[in-house]
Amino acid sequence: MDGPTLYHLSNGVVGGVVAAMGISIIVTDGSSLGAGLMAVGGSGLFLFAASQLLFSDDPSDSVPNSGGIGLAVLGAVLVCLGALLQLAT
């Protein structure tokens, strides 16, 4: 898998997980500023990553160097682990 695709997929995963966590907090505990911002921000990040992957002629325009790609993948893994830990408690 090439770098730009991996970068945008990682950002999409982060956005989707953060949005899902925000929405689940709103559904279970009622709305709050933090949960609303998580839902809106996560959705925005997910939609931006999806639009870069699906509609951009050159998705590598918005991708940092190779170290940034690795950090994006690491961030996606950590966000997923954090979501799993939150679900377990």
Protein backbone atom coordinates (compact mmCIF):
# COMPACT_ATOMS: atom_id res chain seq x y z
CA MET A 1 0.00 0.00 0.00
CA ASP A 2 1.42 3.38 -0.91
CA GLY A 3 2.10 6.14 1.60
CA PRO A 4 -0.69 8.61 0.74
CA THR A 5 -3.36 5.90 0.84
CA LEU A 6 -2.09 4.61 4.18
CA TYR A 7 -1.97 8.15 5.59
CA HIS A 8 -5.52 9.02 4.58
CA LEU A 9 -6.88 5.63 5.68
CA SER A 10 -5.26 6.13 9.08
CA ASN A 11 -6.78 9.60 9.39
CA GLY A 12 -10.15 8.18 8.35
CA VAL A 13 -9.92 5.52 11.05
CA VAL A 14 -9.03 8.13 13.67
CA GLY A 15 -11.90 10.36 12.58
CA GLY A 16 -14.39 7.52 12.49
CA VAL A 17 -13.43 6.22 15.92
CA VAL A 18 -13.49 9.68 17.53
CA ALA A 19 -16.86 10.45 15.93
CA ALA A 20 -18.28 7.11 17.08
CA MET A 21 -17.04 7.70 20.62
CA GLY A 22 -18.57 11.18 20.67
CA ILE A 23 -21.89 9.93 19.33
CA SER A 24 -21.98 7.07 21.84
CA ILE A 25 -21.37 9.51 24.70
CA ILE A 26 -24.20 11.73 23.44
CA VAL A 27 -26.57 8.76 23.18
CA THR A 28 -25.77 7.30 26.60
CA ASP A 29 -25.06 10.37 28.77
CA GLY A 30 -26.82 13.18 26.92
CA SER A 31 -25.22 15.96 24.98
CA SER A 32 -22.24 17.88 26.27
CA LEU A 33 -19.78 20.26 24.68
CA GLY A 34 -16.92 17.76 24.63
CA ALA A 35 -18.99 14.95 23.15
CA GLY A 36 -20.44 17.25 20.53
CA LEU A 37 -17.00 18.49 19.53
CA MET A 38 -15.75 14.90 19.31
CA ALA A 39 -18.65 13.94 17.05
CA VAL A 40 -18.28 16.97 14.77
CA GLY A 41 -14.47 16.93 14.64
CA GLY A 42 -14.24 13.20 14.08
CA SER A 43 -16.84 13.34 11.34
CA GLY A 44 -14.98 16.19 9.67
CA LEU A 45 -11.68 14.33 9.75
CA PHE A 46 -13.33 11.19 8.38
CA LEU A 47 -15.03 13.09 5.56
CA PHE A 48 -11.82 14.95 4.65
CA ALA A 49 -9.83 11.73 4.49
CA ALA A 50 -12.53 10.05 2.42
CA SER A 51 -12.71 12.96 0.01
CA GLN A 52 -8.93 12.96 -0.41
CA LEU A 53 -8.95 9.25 -1.19
CA LEU A 54 -11.97 9.22 -3.48
CA PHE A 55 -12.00 12.55 -5.30
CA SER A 56 -8.46 13.96 -5.28
CA ASP A 57 -6.38 13.71 -8.44
CA ASP A 58 -3.19 13.54 -6.38
CA PRO A 59 -3.80 12.60 -2.72
CA SER A 60 -0.09 12.93 -1.98
CA ASP A 61 -0.43 16.74 -2.03
CA SER A 62 -1.62 16.80 1.59
CA VAL A 63 0.68 14.07 2.94
CA PRO A 64 3.72 14.85 5.11
CA ASN A 65 7.04 13.05 4.84
CA SER A 66 7.41 9.35 5.60
CA GLY A 67 7.79 9.99 9.34
CA GLY A 68 4.39 11.66 9.36
CA ILE A 69 2.83 8.65 7.71
CA GLY A 70 4.22 6.38 10.42
CA LEU A 71 2.91 8.70 13.12
CA ALA A 72 -0.55 8.69 11.52
CA VAL A 73 -0.59 4.89 11.53
CA LEU A 74 0.60 4.82 15.15
CA GLY A 75 -2.08 7.35 16.08
CA ALA A 76 -4.77 5.23 14.44
CA VAL A 77 -3.62 2.16 16.36
CA LEU A 78 -3.56 4.05 19.67
CA VAL A 79 -7.00 5.58 19.11
CA CYS A 80 -8.43 2.13 18.36
CA LEU A 81 -6.82 0.72 21.52
CA GLY A 82 -8.20 3.62 23.55
CA ALA A 83 -11.68 3.04 22.18
CA LEU A 84 -11.47 -0.65 23.04
CA LEU A 85 -10.34 0.19 26.57
CA GLN A 86 -13.23 2.63 26.95
CA LEU A 87 -15.69 -0.03 25.80
CA ALA A 88 -14.21 -2.56 28.23
CA THR A 89 -14.85 -0.33 31.26
